[in-house]
């Protein structure tokens, strides 16, 4: 017998195959008997060994915080939130994109 690799699990002994963790769950180490849920504001694809912060959130996968107003993060991952470019803004927290400023207005 061989141990299930990270991202997979087997809940019973015997010759059954290892199963992939479902999306939103992970198995960080080999030989897992169950998959753990991703923390709030983090996600994972099926068969993952770890979670990542969702779009609009940054930090570590076990403590993802919302991007502050004026910043955004378009994709899931470990990257930090970025500032909106001149002429654009993110008025809410957890923004995934910046909006263009209206006519006769600007951002700094």
PDB file of N, CA and C in Angstrom:
ATOM      1  N   UNK A   1       0.842  -1.195   0.000  1.00  0.00           N
ATOM      2  CA  UNK A   1       0.000   0.000   0.000  1.00  0.00           C
ATOM      3  C   UNK A   1       0.878   1.247   0.000  1.00  0.00           C
ATOM      4  N   UNK A   2       0.372   2.299  -0.589  1.00  0.00           N
ATOM      5  CA  UNK A   2       1.090   3.572  -0.553  1.00  0.00           C
ATOM      6  C   UNK A   2       0.155   4.650  -0.020  1.00  0.00           C
ATOM      7  N   UNK A   3       0.746   5.652   0.601  1.00  0.00           N
ATOM      8  CA  UNK A   3      -0.031   6.744   1.199  1.00  0.00           C
ATOM      9  C   UNK A   3      -0.642   7.613   0.109  1.00  0.00           C
ATOM     10  N   UNK A   4      -1.813   8.142   0.369  1.00  0.00           N
ATOM     11  CA  UNK A   4      -2.428   9.104  -0.542  1.00  0.00           C
ATOM     12  C   UNK A   4      -1.583  10.370  -0.550  1.00  0.00           C
ATOM     13  N   UNK A   5      -1.434  10.978  -1.715  1.00  0.00           N
ATOM     14  CA  UNK A   5      -0.648  12.215  -1.800  1.00  0.00           C
ATOM     15  C   UNK A   5      -1.452  13.388  -1.270  1.00  0.00           C
ATOM     16  N   UNK A   6      -0.768  14.487  -0.976  1.00  0.00           N
ATOM     17  CA  UNK A   6      -1.436  15.712  -0.516  1.00  0.00           C
ATOM     18  C   UNK A   6      -2.488  16.113  -1.540  1.00  0.00           C
ATOM     19  N   UNK A   7      -3.635  16.593  -1.059  1.00  0.00           N
ATOM     20  CA  UNK A   7      -4.736  16.962  -1.943  1.00  0.00           C
ATOM     21  C   UNK A   7      -5.725  15.831  -2.160  1.00  0.00           C
ATOM     22  N   UNK A   8      -5.371  14.645  -1.635  1.00  0.00           N
ATOM     23  CA  UNK A   8      -6.257  13.485  -1.727  1.00  0.00           C
ATOM     24  C   UNK A   8      -6.409  12.863  -0.350  1.00  0.00           C
ATOM     25  N   UNK A   9      -7.383  11.964  -0.214  1.00  0.00           N
ATOM     26  CA  UNK A   9      -7.623  11.317   1.072  1.00  0.00           C
ATOM     27  C   UNK A   9      -8.228   9.931   0.858  1.00  0.00           C
ATOM     28  N   UNK A  10      -8.207   9.141   1.893  1.00  0.00           N
ATOM     29  CA  UNK A  10      -8.892   7.848   1.919  1.00  0.00           C
ATOM     30  C   UNK A  10      -9.384   7.656   3.332  1.00  0.00           C
ATOM     31  N   UNK A  11     -10.703   7.548   3.508  1.00  0.00           N
ATOM     32  CA  UNK A  11     -11.288   7.519   4.845  1.00  0.00           C
ATOM     33  C   UNK A  11     -11.369   6.119   5.448  1.00  0.00           C
ATOM     34  N   UNK A  12     -11.055   5.091   4.669  1.00  0.00           N
ATOM     35  CA  UNK A  12     -11.095   3.735   5.222  1.00  0.00           C
ATOM     36  C   UNK A  12      -9.857   2.968   4.793  1.00  0.00           C
ATOM     37  N   UNK A  13      -9.491   1.962   5.569  1.00  0.00           N
ATOM     38  CA  UNK A  13      -8.333   1.157   5.212  1.00  0.00           C
ATOM     39  C   UNK A  13      -8.737   0.158   4.136  1.00  0.00           C
ATOM     40  N   UNK A  14      -7.773  -0.440   3.504  1.00  0.00           N
ATOM     41  CA  UNK A  14      -8.054  -1.415   2.461  1.00  0.00           C
ATOM     42  C   UNK A  14      -7.516  -0.964   1.127  1.00  0.00           C
ATOM     43  N   UNK A  15      -8.014  -1.582   0.079  1.00  0.00           N
ATOM     44  CA  UNK A  15      -7.471  -1.355  -1.255  1.00  0.00           C
ATOM     45  C   UNK A  15      -8.209  -0.273  -2.043  1.00  0.00           C
ATOM     46  N   UNK A  16      -9.124   0.450  -1.414  1.00  0.00           N
ATOM     47  CA  UNK A  16      -9.850   1.511  -2.118  1.00  0.00           C
ATOM     48  C   UNK A  16      -8.884   2.588  -2.604  1.00  0.00           C
ATOM     49  N   UNK A  17      -9.261   3.255  -3.670  1.00  0.00           N
ATOM     50  CA  UNK A  17      -8.436   4.325  -4.238  1.00  0.00           C
ATOM     51  C   UNK A  17      -8.527   5.596  -3.396  1.00  0.00           C
ATOM     52  N   UNK A  18      -7.529   6.425  -3.527  1.00  0.00           N
ATOM     53  CA  UNK A  18      -7.557   7.744  -2.897  1.00  0.00           C
ATOM     54  C   UNK A  18      -8.517   8.631  -3.696  1.00  0.00           C
ATOM     55  N   UNK A  19      -9.213   9.510  -3.008  1.00  0.00           N
ATOM     56  CA  UNK A  19     -10.138  10.440  -3.660  1.00  0.00           C
ATOM     57  C   UNK A  19      -9.601  11.860  -3.534  1.00  0.00           C
ATOM     58  N   UNK A  20      -9.860  12.672  -4.536  1.00  0.00           N
ATOM     59  CA  UNK A  20      -9.445  14.079  -4.490  1.00  0.00           C
ATOM     60  C   UNK A  20     -10.335  14.844  -3.523  1.00  0.00           C
ATOM     61  N   UNK A  21      -9.748  15.792  -2.820  1.00  0.00           N
ATOM     62  CA  UNK A  21     -10.540  16.690  -1.984  1.00  0.00           C
ATOM     63  C   UNK A  21     -11.423  17.527  -2.909  1.00  0.00           C
ATOM     64  N   UNK A  22     -12.623  17.823  -2.467  1.00  0.00           N
ATOM     65  CA  UNK A  22     -13.547  18.641  -3.254  1.00  0.00           C
ATOM     66  C   UNK A  22     -13.081  20.095  -3.264  1.00  0.00           C
ATOM     67  N   UNK A  23     -13.575  20.866  -4.211  1.00  0.00           N
ATOM     68  CA  UNK A  23     -13.294  22.302  -4.238  1.00  0.00           C
ATOM     69  C   UNK A  23     -13.731  22.916  -2.914  1.00  0.00           C
ATOM     70  N   UNK A  24     -12.922  23.816  -2.371  1.00  0.00           N
ATOM     71  CA  UNK A  24     -13.225  24.441  -1.085  1.00  0.00           C
ATOM     72  C   UNK A  24     -12.675  23.661   0.092  1.00  0.00           C
ATOM     73  N   UNK A  25     -12.006  22.544  -0.188  1.00  0.00           N
ATOM     74  CA  UNK A  25     -11.383  21.726   0.847  1.00  0.00           C
ATOM     75  C   UNK A  25      -9.951  21.403   0.434  1.00  0.00           C
ATOM     76  N   UNK A  26      -9.137  20.945   1.395  1.00  0.00           N
ATOM     77  CA  UNK A  26      -7.743  20.633   1.096  1.00  0.00           C
ATOM     78  C   UNK A  26      -7.220  19.568   2.047  1.00  0.00           C
ATOM     79  N   UNK A  27      -6.160  18.901   1.635  1.00  0.00           N
ATOM     80  CA  UNK A  27      -5.413  17.964   2.483  1.00  0.00           C
ATOM     81  C   UNK A  27      -3.947  18.355   2.341  1.00  0.00           C
ATOM     82  N   UNK A  28      -3.398  18.976   3.376  1.00  0.00           N
ATOM     83  CA  UNK A  28      -2.049  19.553   3.301  1.00  0.00           C
ATOM     84  C   UNK A  28      -0.943  18.507   3.277  1.00  0.00           C
ATOM     85  N   UNK A  29      -1.182  17.354   3.852  1.00  0.00           N
ATOM     86  CA  UNK A  29      -0.117  16.355   3.922  1.00  0.00           C
ATOM     87  C   UNK A  29      -0.572  15.030   3.321  1.00  0.00           C
ATOM     88  N   UNK A  30       0.382  14.171   3.069  1.00  0.00           N
ATOM     89  CA  UNK A  30       0.090  12.835   2.547  1.00  0.00           C
ATOM     90  C   UNK A  30      -0.591  12.008   3.638  1.00  0.00           C
ATOM     91  N   UNK A  31      -1.250  10.948   3.231  1.00  0.00           N
ATOM     92  CA  UNK A  31      -1.900   9.986   4.126  1.00  0.00           C
ATOM     93  C   UNK A  31      -3.076  10.583   4.895  1.00  0.00           C
ATOM     94  N   UNK A  32      -3.760  11.555   4.318  1.00  0.00           N
ATOM     95  CA  UNK A  32      -4.913  12.171   4.979  1.00  0.00           C
ATOM     96  C   UNK A  32      -6.100  11.212   4.978  1.00  0.00           C
ATOM     97  N   UNK A  33      -6.874  11.257   6.056  1.00  0.00           N
ATOM     98  CA  UNK A  33      -8.089  10.452   6.138  1.00  0.00           C
ATOM     99  C   UNK A  33      -9.338  11.306   5.905  1.00  0.00           C
ATOM    100  N   UNK A  34      -9.170  12.618   5.833  1.00  0.00           N
ATOM    101  CA  UNK A  34     -10.251  13.530   5.494  1.00  0.00           C
ATOM    102  C   UNK A  34      -9.658  14.823   4.971  1.00  0.00           C
ATOM    103  N   UNK A  35     -10.500  15.629   4.363  1.00  0.00           N
ATOM    104  CA  UNK A  35     -10.071  16.927   3.849  1.00  0.00           C
ATOM    105  C   UNK A  35     -10.605  18.014   4.771  1.00  0.00           C
ATOM    106  N   UNK A  36      -9.827  19.049   4.977  1.00  0.00           N
ATOM    107  CA  UNK A  36     -10.223  20.179   5.813  1.00  0.00           C
ATOM    108  C   UNK A  36     -10.882  21.250   4.956  1.00  0.00           C
ATOM    109  N   UNK A  37     -11.802  22.007   5.563  1.00  0.00           N
ATOM    110  CA  UNK A  37     -12.462  23.126   4.888  1.00  0.00           C
ATOM    111  C   UNK A  37     -11.492  24.308   4.789  1.00  0.00           C
ATOM    112  N   UNK A  38     -11.539  25.026   3.699  1.00  0.00           N
ATOM    113  CA  UNK A  38     -10.779  26.273   3.597  1.00  0.00           C
ATOM    114  C   UNK A  38     -11.379  27.274   4.587  1.00  0.00           C
ATOM    115  N   UNK A  39     -10.537  28.149   5.111  1.00  0.00           N
ATOM    116  CA  UNK A  39     -10.997  29.197   6.032  1.00  0.00           C
ATOM    117  C   UNK A  39     -11.855  30.209   5.281  1.00  0.00           C
ATOM    118  N   UNK A  40     -12.514  31.073   6.036  1.00  0.00           N
ATOM    119  CA  UNK A  40     -13.349  32.117   5.446  1.00  0.00           C
ATOM    120  C   UNK A  40     -12.549  32.954   4.463  1.00  0.00           C
ATOM    121  N   UNK A  41     -13.153  33.283   3.345  1.00  0.00           N
ATOM    122  CA  UNK A  41     -12.568  34.138   2.299  1.00  0.00           C
ATOM    123  C   UNK A  41     -11.383  33.507   1.591  1.00  0.00           C
ATOM    124  N   UNK A  42     -11.230  32.184   1.700  1.00  0.00           N
ATOM    125  CA  UNK A  42     -10.207  31.486   0.933  1.00  0.00           C
ATOM    126  C   UNK A  42     -10.864  30.362   0.149  1.00  0.00           C
ATOM    127  N   UNK A  43     -10.210  29.940  -0.929  1.00  0.00           N
ATOM    128  CA  UNK A  43     -10.770  28.939  -1.829  1.00  0.00           C
ATOM    129  C   UNK A  43      -9.703  27.939  -2.241  1.00  0.00           C
ATOM    130  N   UNK A  44     -10.147  26.831  -2.811  1.00  0.00           N
ATOM    131  CA  UNK A  44      -9.237  25.859  -3.413  1.00  0.00           C
ATOM    132  C   UNK A  44      -9.946  25.149  -4.546  1.00  0.00           C
ATOM    133  N   UNK A  45      -9.172  24.678  -5.496  1.00  0.00           N
ATOM    134  CA  UNK A  45      -9.708  23.832  -6.564  1.00  0.00           C
ATOM    135  C   UNK A  45      -9.762  22.406  -6.043  1.00  0.00           C
ATOM    136  N   UNK A  46     -10.496  21.551  -6.703  1.00  0.00           N
ATOM    137  CA  UNK A  46     -10.542  20.142  -6.328  1.00  0.00           C
ATOM    138  C   UNK A  46      -9.130  19.555  -6.375  1.00  0.00           C
ATOM    139  N   UNK A  47      -8.809  18.702  -5.425  1.00  0.00           N
ATOM    140  CA  UNK A  47      -7.504  18.046  -5.393  1.00  0.00           C
ATOM    141  C   UNK A  47      -6.380  18.917  -4.870  1.00  0.00           C
ATOM    142  N   UNK A  48      -6.707  19.966  -4.119  1.00  0.00           N
ATOM    143  CA  UNK A  48      -5.689  20.908  -3.640  1.00  0.00           C
ATOM    144  C   UNK A  48      -5.060  20.486  -2.315  1.00  0.00           C
ATOM    145  N   UNK A  49      -3.801  20.869  -2.175  1.00  0.00           N
ATOM    146  CA  UNK A  49      -3.072  20.651  -0.932  1.00  0.00           C
ATOM    147  C   UNK A  49      -3.084  21.900  -0.067  1.00  0.00           C
ATOM    148  N   UNK A  50      -3.627  23.004  -0.585  1.00  0.00           N
ATOM    149  CA  UNK A  50      -3.710  24.245   0.178  1.00  0.00           C
ATOM    150  C   UNK A  50      -4.815  25.134  -0.373  1.00  0.00           C
ATOM    151  N   UNK A  51      -5.198  26.112   0.405  1.00  0.00           N
ATOM    152  CA  UNK A  51      -6.173  27.110  -0.019  1.00  0.00           C
ATOM    153  C   UNK A  51      -5.438  28.411  -0.302  1.00  0.00           C
ATOM    154  N   UNK A  52      -6.063  29.285  -1.049  1.00  0.00           N
ATOM    155  CA  UNK A  52      -5.517  30.619  -1.322  1.00  0.00           C
ATOM    156  C   UNK A  52      -6.609  31.639  -1.061  1.00  0.00           C
ATOM    157  N   UNK A  53      -6.213  32.865  -0.787  1.00  0.00           N
ATOM    158  CA  UNK A  53      -7.199  33.921  -0.562  1.00  0.00           C
ATOM    159  C   UNK A  53      -7.987  34.172  -1.849  1.00  0.00           C
ATOM    160  N   UNK A  54      -9.281  34.370  -1.699  1.00  0.00           N
ATOM    161  CA  UNK A  54     -10.159  34.646  -2.834  1.00  0.00           C
ATOM    162  C   UNK A  54      -9.869  36.035  -3.398  1.00  0.00           C
ATOM    163  N   UNK A  55     -10.344  36.288  -4.603  1.00  0.00           N
ATOM    164  CA  UNK A  55     -10.237  37.631  -5.195  1.00  0.00           C
ATOM    165  C   UNK A  55     -10.883  38.629  -4.239  1.00  0.00           C
ATOM    166  N   UNK A  56     -10.257  39.788  -4.082  1.00  0.00           N
ATOM    167  CA  UNK A  56     -10.765  40.811  -3.167  1.00  0.00           C
ATOM    168  C   UNK A  56     -10.262  40.655  -1.742  1.00  0.00           C
ATOM    169  N   UNK A  57      -9.457  39.612  -1.481  1.00  0.00           N
ATOM    170  CA  UNK A  57      -8.925  39.329  -0.147  1.00  0.00           C
ATOM    171  C   UNK A  57      -7.440  39.010  -0.243  1.00  0.00           C
ATOM    172  N   UNK A  58      -6.683  39.332   0.809  1.00  0.00           N
ATOM    173  CA  UNK A  58      -5.255  39.012   0.830  1.00  0.00           C
ATOM    174  C   UNK A  58      -4.845  38.608   2.238  1.00  0.00           C
ATOM    175  N   UNK A  59      -3.641  38.082   2.348  1.00  0.00           N
ATOM    176  CA  UNK A  59      -3.117  37.618   3.629  1.00  0.00           C
ATOM    177  C   UNK A  59      -2.706  36.165   3.510  1.00  0.00           C
ATOM    178  N   UNK A  60      -2.691  35.471   4.621  1.00  0.00           N
ATOM    179  CA  UNK A  60      -2.392  34.040   4.585  1.00  0.00           C
ATOM    180  C   UNK A  60      -3.710  33.289   4.433  1.00  0.00           C
ATOM    181  N   UNK A  61      -3.688  32.085   3.834  1.00  0.00           N
ATOM    182  CA  UNK A  61      -4.938  31.355   3.587  1.00  0.00           C
ATOM    183  C   UNK A  61      -5.774  31.073   4.833  1.00  0.00           C
ATOM    184  N   UNK A  62      -5.164  31.101   6.013  1.00  0.00           N
ATOM    185  CA  UNK A  62      -5.952  30.871   7.224  1.00  0.00           C
ATOM    186  C   UNK A  62      -6.424  32.180   7.854  1.00  0.00           C
ATOM    187  N   UNK A  63      -6.081  33.318   7.255  1.00  0.00           N
ATOM    188  CA  UNK A  63      -6.513  34.624   7.770  1.00  0.00           C
ATOM    189  C   UNK A  63      -6.585  35.636   6.627  1.00  0.00           C
ATOM    190  N   UNK A  64      -7.468  35.404   5.664  1.00  0.00           N
ATOM    191  CA  UNK A  64      -7.614  36.310   4.526  1.00  0.00           C
ATOM    192  C   UNK A  64      -8.475  37.503   4.930  1.00  0.00           C
ATOM    193  N   UNK A  65      -7.946  38.697   4.706  1.00  0.00           N
ATOM    194  CA  UNK A  65      -8.673  39.910   5.029  1.00  0.00           C
ATOM    195  C   UNK A  65      -9.094  40.644   3.768  1.00  0.00           C
ATOM    196  N   UNK A  66     -10.174  41.378   3.851  1.00  0.00           N
ATOM    197  CA  UNK A  66     -10.695  42.128   2.709  1.00  0.00           C
ATOM    198  C   UNK A  66      -9.725  43.226   2.293  1.00  0.00           C
ATOM    199  N   UNK A  67      -9.604  43.432   0.992  1.00  0.00           N
ATOM    200  CA  UNK A  67      -8.832  44.570   0.498  1.00  0.00           C
ATOM    201  C   UNK A  67      -9.522  45.835   0.995  1.00  0.00           C
ATOM    202  N   UNK A  68      -8.743  46.799   1.440  1.00  0.00           N
ATOM    203  CA  UNK A  68      -9.290  48.071   1.931  1.00  0.00           C
ATOM    204  C   UNK A  68      -9.878  48.874   0.775  1.00  0.00           C
ATOM    205  N   UNK A  69     -10.806  49.764   1.088  1.00  0.00           N
ATOM    206  CA  UNK A  69     -11.341  50.668   0.063  1.00  0.00           C
ATOM    207  C   UNK A  69     -10.168  51.395  -0.589  1.00  0.00           C
ATOM    208  N   UNK A  70     -10.212  51.551  -1.895  1.00  0.00           N
ATOM    209  CA  UNK A  70      -9.119  52.175  -2.642  1.00  0.00           C
ATOM    210  C   UNK A  70      -8.117  51.173  -3.180  1.00  0.00           C
ATOM    211  N   UNK A  71      -8.266  49.893  -2.785  1.00  0.00           N
ATOM    212  CA  UNK A  71      -7.399  48.832  -3.288  1.00  0.00           C
ATOM    213  C   UNK A  71      -8.265  47.698  -3.828  1.00  0.00           C
ATOM    214  N   UNK A  72      -7.640  46.807  -4.587  1.00  0.00           N
ATOM    215  CA  UNK A  72      -8.377  45.686  -5.190  1.00  0.00           C
ATOM    216  C   UNK A  72      -7.440  44.496  -5.412  1.00  0.00           C
ATOM    217  N   UNK A  73      -8.014  43.342  -5.659  1.00  0.00           N
ATOM    218  CA  UNK A  73      -7.263  42.153  -6.079  1.00  0.00           C
ATOM    219  C   UNK A  73      -8.177  41.358  -6.996  1.00  0.00           C
ATOM    220  N   UNK A  74      -7.796  41.251  -8.271  1.00  0.00           N
ATOM    221  CA  UNK A  74      -8.660  40.690  -9.303  1.00  0.00           C
ATOM    222  C   UNK A  74      -8.738  39.163  -9.275  1.00  0.00           C
ATOM    223  N   UNK A  75      -7.709  38.485  -8.798  1.00  0.00           N
ATOM    224  CA  UNK A  75      -7.688  37.027  -8.866  1.00  0.00           C
ATOM    225  C   UNK A  75      -7.359  36.418  -7.509  1.00  0.00           C
ATOM    226  N   UNK A  76      -7.721  35.171  -7.340  1.00  0.00           N
ATOM    227  CA  UNK A  76      -7.375  34.446  -6.118  1.00  0.00           C
ATOM    228  C   UNK A  76      -5.865  34.222  -6.083  1.00  0.00           C
ATOM    229  N   UNK A  77      -5.303  34.157  -4.883  1.00  0.00           N
ATOM    230  CA  UNK A  77      -3.868  33.914  -4.737  1.00  0.00           C
ATOM    231  C   UNK A  77      -3.321  34.593  -3.504  1.00  0.00           C
ATOM    232  N   UNK A  78      -2.022  34.535  -3.364  1.00  0.00           N
ATOM    233  CA  UNK A  78      -1.373  35.070  -2.171  1.00  0.00           C
ATOM    234  C   UNK A  78      -0.884  36.509  -2.355  1.00  0.00           C
ATOM    235  N   UNK A  79      -1.128  37.093  -3.502  1.00  0.00           N
ATOM    236  CA  UNK A  79      -0.661  38.452  -3.768  1.00  0.00           C
ATOM    237  C   UNK A  79      -1.369  39.459  -2.868  1.00  0.00           C
ATOM    238  N   UNK A  80      -0.696  40.574  -2.641  1.00  0.00           N
ATOM    239  CA  UNK A  80      -1.278  41.665  -1.852  1.00  0.00           C
ATOM    240  C   UNK A  80      -2.294  42.417  -2.703  1.00  0.00           C
ATOM    241  N   UNK A  81      -3.163  43.164  -2.057  1.00  0.00           N
ATOM    242  CA  UNK A  81      -4.103  44.030  -2.766  1.00  0.00           C
ATOM    243  C   UNK A  81      -3.313  45.177  -3.389  1.00  0.00           C
ATOM    244  N   UNK A  82      -3.723  45.615  -4.564  1.00  0.00           N
ATOM    245  CA  UNK A  82      -3.041  46.709  -5.251  1.00  0.00           C
ATOM    246  C   UNK A  82      -3.859  47.979  -5.228  1.00  0.00           C
ATOM    247  N   UNK A  83      -3.190  49.120  -5.337  1.00  0.00           N
ATOM    248  CA  UNK A  83      -3.891  50.406  -5.379  1.00  0.00           C
ATOM    249  C   UNK A  83      -4.507  50.608  -6.755  1.00  0.00           C
ATOM    250  N   UNK A  84      -5.641  51.276  -6.766  1.00  0.00           N
ATOM    251  CA  UNK A  84      -6.276  51.616  -8.032  1.00  0.00           C
ATOM    252  C   UNK A  84      -5.425  52.661  -8.756  1.00  0.00           C
ATOM    253  N   UNK A  85      -5.388  52.581 -10.074  1.00  0.00           N
ATOM    254  CA  UNK A  85      -4.633  53.536 -10.883  1.00  0.00           C
ATOM    255  C   UNK A  85      -5.304  54.903 -10.835  1.00  0.00           C
ATOM    256  N   UNK A  86      -4.553  55.934 -11.199  1.00  0.00           N
ATOM    257  CA  UNK A  86      -5.105  57.289 -11.253  1.00  0.00           C
ATOM    258  C   UNK A  86      -6.321  57.296 -12.163  1.00  0.00           C
ATOM    259  N   UNK A  87      -7.374  57.977 -11.734  1.00  0.00           N
ATOM    260  CA  UNK A  87      -8.599  58.059 -12.516  1.00  0.00           C
ATOM    261  C   UNK A  87      -9.565  56.924 -12.237  1.00  0.00           C
ATOM    262  N   UNK A  88      -9.192  56.014 -11.315  1.00  0.00           N
ATOM    263  CA  UNK A  88     -10.055  54.894 -10.951  1.00  0.00           C
ATOM    264  C   UNK A  88     -10.169  54.806  -9.435  1.00  0.00           C
ATOM    265  N   UNK A  89     -11.202  54.128  -8.950  1.00  0.00           N
ATOM    266  CA  UNK A  89     -11.397  54.010  -7.514  1.00  0.00           C
ATOM    267  C   UNK A  89     -12.088  52.691  -7.177  1.00  0.00           C
ATOM    268  N   UNK A  90     -11.946  52.283  -5.922  1.00  0.00           N
ATOM    269  CA  UNK A  90     -12.674  51.144  -5.359  1.00  0.00           C
ATOM    270  C   UNK A  90     -13.294  51.659  -4.072  1.00  0.00           C
ATOM    271  N   UNK A  91     -14.554  51.960  -4.103  1.00  0.00           N
ATOM    272  CA  UNK A  91     -15.227  52.582  -2.969  1.00  0.00           C
ATOM    273  C   UNK A  91     -15.596  51.612  -1.861  1.00  0.00           C
ATOM    274  N   UNK A  92     -15.605  50.333  -2.136  1.00  0.00           N
ATOM    275  CA  UNK A  92     -15.985  49.317  -1.150  1.00  0.00           C
ATOM    276  C   UNK A  92     -14.775  48.468  -0.779  1.00  0.00           C
ATOM    277  N   UNK A  93     -14.857  47.777   0.339  1.00  0.00           N
ATOM    278  CA  UNK A  93     -13.817  46.812   0.690  1.00  0.00           C
ATOM    279  C   UNK A  93     -14.035  45.539  -0.127  1.00  0.00           C
ATOM    280  N   UNK A  94     -13.022  44.703  -0.222  1.00  0.00           N
ATOM    281  CA  UNK A  94     -13.047  43.428  -0.949  1.00  0.00           C
ATOM    282  C   UNK A  94     -13.304  43.613  -2.443  1.00  0.00           C
ATOM    283  N   UNK A  95     -12.829  44.710  -3.006  1.00  0.00           N
ATOM    284  CA  UNK A  95     -13.042  44.973  -4.435  1.00  0.00           C
ATOM    285  C   UNK A  95     -12.200  44.029  -5.289  1.00  0.00           C
ATOM    286  N   UNK A  96     -12.773  43.615  -6.419  1.00  0.00           N
ATOM    287  CA  UNK A  96     -12.048  42.775  -7.367  1.00  0.00           C
ATOM    288  C   UNK A  96     -11.650  43.552  -8.613  1.00  0.00           C
ATOM    289  N   UNK A  97     -12.094  44.797  -8.697  1.00  0.00           N
ATOM    290  CA  UNK A  97     -11.705  45.682  -9.787  1.00  0.00           C
ATOM    291  C   UNK A  97     -11.921  47.126  -9.349  1.00  0.00           C
ATOM    292  N   UNK A  98     -11.312  48.035 -10.094  1.00  0.00           N
ATOM    293  CA  UNK A  98     -11.484  49.463  -9.815  1.00  0.00           C
ATOM    294  C   UNK A  98     -12.420  50.041 -10.859  1.00  0.00           C
ATOM    295  N   UNK A  99     -13.236  50.978 -10.432  1.00  0.00           N
ATOM    296  CA  UNK A  99     -14.180  51.640 -11.326  1.00  0.00           C
ATOM    297  C   UNK A  99     -13.585  52.957 -11.826  1.00  0.00           C
ATOM    298  N   UNK A 100     -13.973  53.345 -13.022  1.00  0.00           N
ATOM    299  CA  UNK A 100     -13.516  54.614 -13.581  1.00  0.00           C
ATOM    300  C   UNK A 100     -14.242  55.746 -12.886  1.00  0.00           C
ATOM    301  N   UNK A 101     -13.503  56.806 -12.569  1.00  0.00           N
ATOM    302  CA  UNK A 101     -14.117  57.983 -11.964  1.00  0.00           C
ATOM    303  C   UNK A 101     -15.098  58.609 -12.938  1.00  0.00           C
ATOM    304  N   UNK A 102     -16.139  59.229 -12.412  1.00  0.00           N
ATOM    305  CA  UNK A 102     -17.149  59.875 -13.243  1.00  0.00           C
ATOM    306  C   UNK A 102     -16.611  61.129 -13.911  1.00  0.00           C
ATOM    307  N   UNK A 103     -17.416  61.672 -14.789  1.00  0.00           N
ATOM    308  CA  UNK A 103     -17.040  62.910 -15.479  1.00  0.00           C
ATOM    309  C   UNK A 103     -16.768  64.022 -14.466  1.00  0.00           C
ATOM    310  N   UNK A 104     -15.786  64.838 -14.740  1.00  0.00           N
ATOM    311  CA  UNK A 104     -15.403  65.967 -13.909  1.00  0.00           C
ATOM    312  C   UNK A 104     -14.947  65.574 -12.521  1.00  0.00           C
ATOM    313  N   UNK A 105     -14.429  64.367 -12.375  1.00  0.00           N
ATOM    314  CA  UNK A 105     -13.875  63.935 -11.077  1.00  0.00           C
ATOM    315  C   UNK A 105     -12.564  63.186 -11.332  1.00  0.00           C
ATOM    316  N   UNK A 106     -11.806  62.998 -10.272  1.00  0.00           N
ATOM    317  CA  UNK A 106     -10.492  62.356 -10.394  1.00  0.00           C
ATOM    318  C   UNK A 106     -10.192  61.640  -9.098  1.00  0.00           C
ATOM    319  N   UNK A 107      -9.173  60.813  -9.102  1.00  0.00           N
ATOM    320  CA  UNK A 107      -8.712  60.149  -7.880  1.00  0.00           C
ATOM    321  C   UNK A 107      -7.233  60.445  -7.704  1.00  0.00           C
ATOM    322  N   UNK A 108      -6.740  60.266  -6.488  1.00  0.00           N
ATOM    323  CA  UNK A 108      -5.313  60.520  -6.273  1.00  0.00           C
ATOM    324  C   UNK A 108      -4.673  59.339  -5.617  1.00  0.00           C
TER     325      UNK A 108
END
